[in-house]
Amino acid sequence: MSREPEEILTREVIYRGPYISVERLTVALPSGKTATRDVVRHPGAVGMVVVDDQGRLHLVRQYRRAIDDWSVEIPAGTLEPNELPEAAVDRELGEEVGVRARRVEHLMTFVPSPGMLDERVHLYLCRDLEPNVLDREEESFDVLQVARDEAHAMIRCGEIQDAKSILGIYLSDPERVRGS
């Protein structure tokens, strides 16, 4: 892969919202032609696989306007400006699940859709829980506690469709990934 990357000729912010912005780029291709790229800029997020002392996963079920449906997911949230992912883990666990994790293990950081989005999602395994209830944002959701095999069944039947949740649940499963 010795080809030069695309050179950015122009950059224009075409949308700026509270959490994302969209840039329209004009780029020079290696062939000499130009192309347009729309890029969604996102501050990044954290996702937490929360496992209690009984081995149950704590998931959230909430309505997601973008898909016009209910979604079952691992607890997650957007990074605040200049916030480190580890601090966001503590904040989001308190807001969404009402706990703090005494043991937090980074599983991986991934890019969900690099063709159009610069977001990086930091996944963590959170165990050894203690109460830490923080005020919720203006979100409405239910917290579910499910056995790991039930979470796997929810993935297989399509009840869990969220990519970060599927990846986090499988990466945190000691019988699936560890040692492979």
C-alpha atoms as a PDB file:
ATOM      1  CA  MET A   1       0.000   0.000   0.000  1.00  0.00           C
ATOM      2  CA  SER A   2       2.421   2.663  -1.170  1.00  0.00           C
ATOM      3  CA  ARG A   3      -0.237   5.005  -2.557  1.00  0.00           C
ATOM      4  CA  GLU A   4      -0.365   8.478  -1.097  1.00  0.00           C
ATOM      5  CA  PRO A   5      -3.430   9.336   0.978  1.00  0.00           C
ATOM      6  CA  GLU A   6      -6.007  11.741  -0.304  1.00  0.00           C
ATOM      7  CA  GLU A   7      -5.008  15.379  -0.042  1.00  0.00           C
ATOM      8  CA  ILE A   8      -7.638  17.668   1.488  1.00  0.00           C
ATOM      9  CA  LEU A   9      -8.250  20.659  -0.795  1.00  0.00           C
ATOM     10  CA  THR A  10     -11.189  22.272   1.028  1.00  0.00           C
ATOM     11  CA  ARG A  11     -12.974  21.709   4.331  1.00  0.00           C
ATOM     12  CA  GLU A  12     -16.408  23.099   5.244  1.00  0.00           C
ATOM     13  CA  VAL A  13     -18.484  22.454   8.375  1.00  0.00           C
ATOM     14  CA  ILE A  14     -21.993  21.882   7.040  1.00  0.00           C
ATOM     15  CA  TYR A  15     -23.603  20.982  10.365  1.00  0.00           C
ATOM     16  CA  ARG A  16     -22.644  21.566  14.001  1.00  0.00           C
ATOM     17  CA  GLY A  17     -24.761  20.075  16.760  1.00  0.00           C
ATOM     18  CA  PRO A  18     -24.314  19.499  20.470  1.00  0.00           C
ATOM     19  CA  TYR A  19     -22.535  16.143  20.018  1.00  0.00           C
ATOM     20  CA  ILE A  20     -21.513  15.825  16.384  1.00  0.00           C
ATOM     21  CA  SER A  21     -20.511  17.933  13.443  1.00  0.00           C
ATOM     22  CA  VAL A  22     -20.387  17.099   9.754  1.00  0.00           C
ATOM     23  CA  GLU A  23     -17.583  18.278   7.500  1.00  0.00           C
ATOM     24  CA  ARG A  24     -17.663  18.268   3.710  1.00  0.00           C
ATOM     25  CA  LEU A  25     -14.188  17.716   2.334  1.00  0.00           C
ATOM     26  CA  THR A  26     -13.007  18.089  -1.238  1.00  0.00           C
ATOM     27  CA  VAL A  27     -10.039  15.785  -1.741  1.00  0.00           C
ATOM     28  CA  ALA A  28      -7.508  15.185  -4.480  1.00  0.00           C
ATOM     29  CA  LEU A  29      -7.328  11.511  -5.392  1.00  0.00           C
ATOM     30  CA  PRO A  30      -4.074   9.800  -6.416  1.00  0.00           C
ATOM     31  CA  SER A  31      -5.461   9.712  -9.979  1.00  0.00           C
ATOM     32  CA  GLY A  32      -5.601  13.528 -10.039  1.00  0.00           C
ATOM     33  CA  LYS A  33      -9.399  13.652  -9.909  1.00  0.00           C
ATOM     34  CA  THR A  34     -11.264  15.255  -7.026  1.00  0.00           C
ATOM     35  CA  ALA A  35     -13.980  13.779  -4.844  1.00  0.00           C
ATOM     36  CA  THR A  36     -16.265  14.876  -2.021  1.00  0.00           C
ATOM     37  CA  ARG A  37     -16.175  13.224   1.401  1.00  0.00           C
ATOM     38  CA  ASP A  38     -18.721  13.898   4.137  1.00  0.00           C
ATOM     39  CA  VAL A  39     -17.236  13.076   7.549  1.00  0.00           C
ATOM     40  CA  VAL A  40     -19.147  12.908  10.817  1.00  0.00           C
ATOM     41  CA  ARG A  41     -16.974  14.186  13.682  1.00  0.00           C
ATOM     42  CA  HIS A  42     -17.760  12.636  17.071  1.00  0.00           C
ATOM     43  CA  PRO A  43     -15.934  13.108  20.404  1.00  0.00           C
ATOM     44  CA  GLY A  44     -15.788   9.363  21.110  1.00  0.00           C
ATOM     45  CA  ALA A  45     -17.642   7.099  23.482  1.00  0.00           C
ATOM     46  CA  VAL A  46     -17.300   4.413  26.111  1.00  0.00           C
ATOM     47  CA  GLY A  47     -19.185   1.137  26.402  1.00  0.00           C
ATOM     48  CA  MET A  48     -19.150  -0.979  29.542  1.00  0.00           C
ATOM     49  CA  VAL A  49     -19.799  -4.681  29.964  1.00  0.00           C
ATOM     50  CA  VAL A  50     -21.025  -4.627  33.559  1.00  0.00           C
ATOM     51  CA  VAL A  51     -20.870  -7.976  35.371  1.00  0.00           C
ATOM     52  CA  ASP A  52     -22.204  -8.365  38.917  1.00  0.00           C
ATOM     53  CA  ASP A  53     -21.165 -10.883  41.599  1.00  0.00           C
ATOM     54  CA  GLN A  54     -23.698 -13.420  40.285  1.00  0.00           C
ATOM     55  CA  GLY A  55     -22.181 -13.219  36.792  1.00  0.00           C
ATOM     56  CA  ARG A  56     -25.177 -11.344  35.354  1.00  0.00           C
ATOM     57  CA  LEU A  57     -24.683  -8.674  32.712  1.00  0.00           C
ATOM     58  CA  HIS A  58     -26.346  -5.307  33.296  1.00  0.00           C
ATOM     59  CA  LEU A  59     -27.841  -4.060  30.024  1.00  0.00           C
ATOM     60  CA  VAL A  60     -30.012  -1.066  29.203  1.00  0.00           C
ATOM     61  CA  ARG A  61     -33.153  -1.095  27.079  1.00  0.00           C
ATOM     62  CA  GLN A  62     -33.942   2.290  25.586  1.00  0.00           C
ATOM     63  CA  TYR A  63     -35.740   3.842  22.675  1.00  0.00           C
ATOM     64  CA  ARG A  64     -33.412   4.982  19.891  1.00  0.00           C
ATOM     65  CA  ARG A  65     -34.888   7.592  17.551  1.00  0.00           C
ATOM     66  CA  ALA A  66     -32.324   6.900  14.799  1.00  0.00           C
ATOM     67  CA  ILE A  67     -33.669   3.356  14.315  1.00  0.00           C
ATOM     68  CA  ASP A  68     -37.218   4.204  15.508  1.00  0.00           C
ATOM     69  CA  ASP A  69     -37.185   1.203  17.825  1.00  0.00           C
ATOM     70  CA  TRP A  70     -36.163  -0.090  21.230  1.00  0.00           C
ATOM     71  CA  SER A  71     -32.565  -1.227  21.602  1.00  0.00           C
ATOM     72  CA  VAL A  72     -30.910  -3.467  24.186  1.00  0.00           C
ATOM     73  CA  GLU A  73     -27.306  -2.393  24.747  1.00  0.00           C
ATOM     74  CA  ILE A  74     -24.438  -2.376  27.184  1.00  0.00           C
ATOM     75  CA  PRO A  75     -24.339   0.871  29.188  1.00  0.00           C
ATOM     76  CA  ALA A  76     -22.526   3.514  27.152  1.00  0.00           C
ATOM     77  CA  GLY A  77     -22.081   7.214  26.684  1.00  0.00           C
ATOM     78  CA  THR A  78     -20.399  10.000  24.787  1.00  0.00           C
ATOM     79  CA  LEU A  79     -17.183  11.527  26.086  1.00  0.00           C
ATOM     80  CA  GLU A  80     -17.496  15.055  27.435  1.00  0.00           C
ATOM     81  CA  PRO A  81     -14.986  17.657  26.133  1.00  0.00           C
ATOM     82  CA  ASN A  82     -11.459  16.783  27.390  1.00  0.00           C
ATOM     83  CA  GLU A  83     -12.825  13.820  29.387  1.00  0.00           C
ATOM     84  CA  LEU A  84     -10.672  10.709  29.633  1.00  0.00           C
ATOM     85  CA  PRO A  85     -12.455   7.434  28.797  1.00  0.00           C
ATOM     86  CA  GLU A  86     -11.850   6.058  32.316  1.00  0.00           C
ATOM     87  CA  ALA A  87     -13.611   9.070  33.849  1.00  0.00           C
ATOM     88  CA  ALA A  88     -16.513   8.620  31.440  1.00  0.00           C
ATOM     89  CA  VAL A  89     -16.805   4.978  32.531  1.00  0.00           C
ATOM     90  CA  ASP A  90     -17.277   6.029  36.154  1.00  0.00           C
ATOM     91  CA  ARG A  91     -19.768   8.777  35.231  1.00  0.00           C
ATOM     92  CA  GLU A  92     -21.832   6.636  32.857  1.00  0.00           C
ATOM     93  CA  LEU A  93     -21.973   3.662  35.255  1.00  0.00           C
ATOM     94  CA  GLY A  94     -23.354   5.934  37.978  1.00  0.00           C
ATOM     95  CA  GLU A  95     -25.878   7.585  35.649  1.00  0.00           C
ATOM     96  CA  GLU A  96     -27.112   4.495  33.826  1.00  0.00           C
ATOM     97  CA  VAL A  97     -26.699   1.570  36.226  1.00  0.00           C
ATOM     98  CA  GLY A  98     -26.229   3.256  39.620  1.00  0.00           C
ATOM     99  CA  VAL A  99     -22.910   1.538  40.358  1.00  0.00           C
ATOM    100  CA  ARG A 100     -19.156   2.084  40.409  1.00  0.00           C
ATOM    101  CA  ALA A 101     -16.754  -0.668  39.339  1.00  0.00           C
ATOM    102  CA  ARG A 102     -13.746  -1.346  41.541  1.00  0.00           C
ATOM    103  CA  ARG A 103     -12.226  -3.469  38.752  1.00  0.00           C
ATOM    104  CA  VAL A 104     -12.172  -1.939  35.262  1.00  0.00           C
ATOM    105  CA  GLU A 105     -10.382  -3.656  32.379  1.00  0.00           C
ATOM    106  CA  HIS A 106      -9.944  -2.064  28.955  1.00  0.00           C
ATOM    107  CA  LEU A 107     -11.053  -4.597  26.335  1.00  0.00           C
ATOM    108  CA  MET A 108     -10.351  -2.641  23.160  1.00  0.00           C
ATOM    109  CA  THR A 109     -10.872   0.576  21.256  1.00  0.00           C
ATOM    110  CA  PHE A 110     -12.501   0.358  17.842  1.00  0.00           C
ATOM    111  CA  VAL A 111     -13.799   2.579  15.045  1.00  0.00           C
ATOM    112  CA  PRO A 112     -17.410   1.646  14.209  1.00  0.00           C
ATOM    113  CA  SER A 113     -17.637   3.084  10.688  1.00  0.00           C
ATOM    114  CA  PRO A 114     -14.336   4.526   9.384  1.00  0.00           C
ATOM    115  CA  GLY A 115     -15.759   5.318   5.955  1.00  0.00           C
ATOM    116  CA  MET A 116     -17.813   8.200   7.320  1.00  0.00           C
ATOM    117  CA  LEU A 117     -17.293   8.578  11.080  1.00  0.00           C
ATOM    118  CA  ASP A 118     -14.204   9.403  13.180  1.00  0.00           C
ATOM    119  CA  GLU A 119     -15.709   8.140  16.468  1.00  0.00           C
ATOM    120  CA  ARG A 120     -13.607   5.805  18.604  1.00  0.00           C
ATOM    121  CA  VAL A 121     -15.445   3.577  21.070  1.00  0.00           C
ATOM    122  CA  HIS A 122     -13.529   2.418  24.151  1.00  0.00           C
ATOM    123  CA  LEU A 123     -14.894  -0.867  25.549  1.00  0.00           C
ATOM    124  CA  TYR A 124     -14.393  -1.864  29.188  1.00  0.00           C
ATOM    125  CA  LEU A 125     -15.202  -4.840  31.380  1.00  0.00           C
ATOM    126  CA  CYS A 126     -16.508  -3.611  34.751  1.00  0.00           C
ATOM    127  CA  ARG A 127     -16.675  -5.893  37.802  1.00  0.00           C
ATOM    128  CA  ASP A 128     -16.639  -5.785  41.589  1.00  0.00           C
ATOM    129  CA  LEU A 129     -19.520  -3.323  41.768  1.00  0.00           C
ATOM    130  CA  GLU A 130     -20.603  -0.960  44.551  1.00  0.00           C
ATOM    131  CA  PRO A 131     -23.533   1.485  44.674  1.00  0.00           C
ATOM    132  CA  ASN A 132     -22.919   4.911  43.115  1.00  0.00           C
ATOM    133  CA  VAL A 133     -26.182   6.477  41.979  1.00  0.00           C
ATOM    134  CA  LEU A 134     -25.772   9.646  39.900  1.00  0.00           C
ATOM    135  CA  ASP A 135     -28.517  11.768  38.326  1.00  0.00           C
ATOM    136  CA  ARG A 136     -29.634  10.489  34.944  1.00  0.00           C
ATOM    137  CA  GLU A 137     -29.676  12.684  31.897  1.00  0.00           C
ATOM    138  CA  GLU A 138     -32.994  13.215  30.131  1.00  0.00           C
ATOM    139  CA  GLU A 139     -33.013   9.605  28.965  1.00  0.00           C
ATOM    140  CA  SER A 140     -35.621   6.997  29.634  1.00  0.00           C
ATOM    141  CA  PHE A 141     -34.440   3.401  29.858  1.00  0.00           C
ATOM    142  CA  ASP A 142     -34.730   0.198  31.829  1.00  0.00           C
ATOM    143  CA  VAL A 143     -31.801  -1.681  33.332  1.00  0.00           C
ATOM    144  CA  LEU A 144     -31.900  -5.427  32.654  1.00  0.00           C
ATOM    145  CA  GLN A 145     -29.874  -8.065  34.463  1.00  0.00           C
ATOM    146  CA  VAL A 146     -29.350 -11.152  32.332  1.00  0.00           C
ATOM    147  CA  ALA A 147     -27.185 -14.255  32.482  1.00  0.00           C
ATOM    148  CA  ARG A 148     -24.368 -14.351  29.941  1.00  0.00           C
ATOM    149  CA  ASP A 149     -25.956 -17.248  28.028  1.00  0.00           C
ATOM    150  CA  GLU A 150     -29.201 -15.242  27.833  1.00  0.00           C
ATOM    151  CA  ALA A 151     -27.264 -12.276  26.395  1.00  0.00           C
ATOM    152  CA  HIS A 152     -25.755 -14.604  23.769  1.00  0.00           C
ATOM    153  CA  ALA A 153     -29.249 -15.857  22.909  1.00  0.00           C
ATOM    154  CA  MET A 154     -30.440 -12.226  22.615  1.00  0.00           C
ATOM    155  CA  ILE A 155     -27.640 -11.592  20.114  1.00  0.00           C
ATOM    156  CA  ARG A 156     -28.436 -14.715  18.094  1.00  0.00           C
ATOM    157  CA  CYS A 157     -32.152 -13.893  17.842  1.00  0.00           C
ATOM    158  CA  GLY A 158     -31.529 -10.237  16.954  1.00  0.00           C
ATOM    159  CA  GLU A 159     -32.812  -8.692  20.182  1.00  0.00           C
ATOM    160  CA  ILE A 160     -29.342  -7.214  20.693  1.00  0.00           C
ATOM    161  CA  GLN A 161     -28.275  -5.596  17.393  1.00  0.00           C
ATOM    162  CA  ASP A 162     -25.956  -2.850  18.620  1.00  0.00           C
ATOM    163  CA  ALA A 163     -22.395  -3.491  17.391  1.00  0.00           C
ATOM    164  CA  LYS A 164     -20.556  -2.200  20.488  1.00  0.00           C
ATOM    165  CA  SER A 165     -22.737  -4.372  22.680  1.00  0.00           C
ATOM    166  CA  ILE A 166     -22.215  -7.517  20.625  1.00  0.00           C
ATOM    167  CA  LEU A 167     -18.470  -6.923  20.473  1.00  0.00           C
ATOM    168  CA  GLY A 168     -18.210  -6.116  24.187  1.00  0.00           C
ATOM    169  CA  ILE A 169     -20.269  -9.127  25.277  1.00  0.00           C
ATOM    170  CA  TYR A 170     -18.191 -11.519  23.176  1.00  0.00           C
ATOM    171  CA  LEU A 171     -14.823  -9.931  24.062  1.00  0.00           C
ATOM    172  CA  SER A 172     -15.603 -10.120  27.774  1.00  0.00           C
ATOM    173  CA  ASP A 173     -16.609 -13.778  27.691  1.00  0.00           C
ATOM    174  CA  PRO A 174     -13.766 -15.780  29.243  1.00  0.00           C
ATOM    175  CA  GLU A 175     -14.882 -18.932  27.418  1.00  0.00           C
ATOM    176  CA  ARG A 176     -14.836 -17.325  23.943  1.00  0.00           C
ATOM    177  CA  VAL A 177     -11.836 -15.027  23.606  1.00  0.00           C
ATOM    178  CA  ARG A 178      -9.315 -15.455  26.394  1.00  0.00           C
ATOM    179  CA  GLY A 179      -6.260 -17.368  25.258  1.00  0.00           C
ATOM    180  CA  SER A 180      -7.241 -17.400  21.591  1.00  0.00           C
END
